[in-house]
Amino acid sequence: MKTYSLKVEGMTCPHCEMTIENGLKKMFPDLIFVKADRNNKEVTLKSLKEIDLNAVSQAIESLGYKVVE
């Protein structure tokens, strides 16, 4: 299993976390775990397969949030 972590700005409430989690689960069915944490400004992903982090970053930004380095 591979674990990825992205820093994400713009999450301010539980609804923001849910928007990212549900959006990524729909767009990337290979993800077996998605957790958005507004307090740590972080999104954690787990997958059995390699995932394209650029595609994930673009997906998060399409939902209205900003991925930062």
Protein backbone atom coordinates (compact mmCIF):
# COMPACT_ATOMS: atom_id res chain seq x y z
CA MET A 1 0.00 0.00 0.00
CA LYS A 2 1.22 3.47 -0.87
CA THR A 3 0.50 6.52 1.29
CA TYR A 4 0.54 10.07 -0.05
CA SER A 5 0.12 13.39 1.69
CA LEU A 6 -0.66 16.78 0.17
CA LYS A 7 -0.76 20.19 1.84
CA VAL A 8 -4.04 21.90 0.96
CA GLU A 9 -5.20 25.42 1.78
CA GLY A 10 -8.76 26.69 1.87
CA MET A 11 -10.44 24.04 4.03
CA THR A 12 -12.31 25.84 6.79
CA CYS A 13 -15.03 23.44 7.97
CA PRO A 14 -16.18 19.80 8.03
CA HIS A 15 -18.09 20.39 4.77
CA CYS A 16 -14.81 21.33 3.07
CA GLU A 17 -13.23 18.10 4.26
CA MET A 18 -16.20 16.07 3.05
CA THR A 19 -16.17 17.81 -0.34
CA ILE A 20 -12.54 16.82 -0.92
CA GLU A 21 -12.94 13.29 0.43
CA ASN A 22 -16.07 12.49 -1.59
CA GLY A 23 -14.77 14.20 -4.71
CA LEU A 24 -11.49 12.30 -4.72
CA LYS A 25 -13.19 8.96 -4.02
CA LYS A 26 -15.42 9.49 -7.06
CA MET A 27 -12.62 10.66 -9.36
CA PHE A 28 -10.04 8.09 -8.23
CA PRO A 29 -11.73 4.74 -7.49
CA ASP A 30 -8.34 3.10 -6.77
CA LEU A 31 -8.04 5.12 -3.56
CA ILE A 32 -8.83 2.96 -0.55
CA PHE A 33 -8.49 5.79 2.00
CA VAL A 34 -8.97 9.54 1.75
CA LYS A 35 -8.80 11.85 4.77
CA ALA A 36 -8.91 15.63 4.59
CA ASP A 37 -7.85 17.45 7.77
CA ARG A 38 -8.55 21.19 7.85
CA ASN A 39 -6.61 21.68 11.10
CA ASN A 40 -3.37 20.30 9.65
CA LYS A 41 -4.15 21.61 6.15
CA GLU A 42 -3.45 18.14 4.82
CA VAL A 43 -5.06 15.48 2.65
CA THR A 44 -3.86 11.90 3.17
CA LEU A 45 -4.44 9.25 0.51
CA LYS A 46 -3.82 5.51 0.46
CA SER A 47 -3.87 3.33 -2.62
CA LEU A 48 -2.83 -0.16 -3.60
CA LYS A 49 -1.66 1.23 -6.95
CA GLU A 50 0.58 4.14 -7.95
CA ILE A 51 -1.46 7.32 -8.37
CA ASP A 52 -0.73 10.46 -10.35
CA LEU A 53 -0.31 13.21 -7.76
CA ASN A 54 -0.53 15.90 -10.45
CA ALA A 55 -3.97 14.61 -11.40
CA VAL A 56 -4.99 14.49 -7.73
CA SER A 57 -3.74 18.06 -7.21
CA GLN A 58 -5.70 19.26 -10.24
CA ALA A 59 -8.80 17.46 -8.94
CA ILE A 60 -8.48 19.14 -5.53
CA GLU A 61 -8.06 22.53 -7.20
CA SER A 62 -11.13 21.86 -9.39
CA LEU A 63 -13.06 21.47 -6.14
CA GLY A 64 -12.02 24.98 -5.10
CA TYR A 65 -8.99 24.36 -2.86
CA LYS A 66 -5.29 25.11 -3.32
CA VAL A 67 -2.56 22.48 -3.18
CA VAL A 68 0.71 23.94 -1.86
CA GLU A 69 4.24 22.52 -1.78
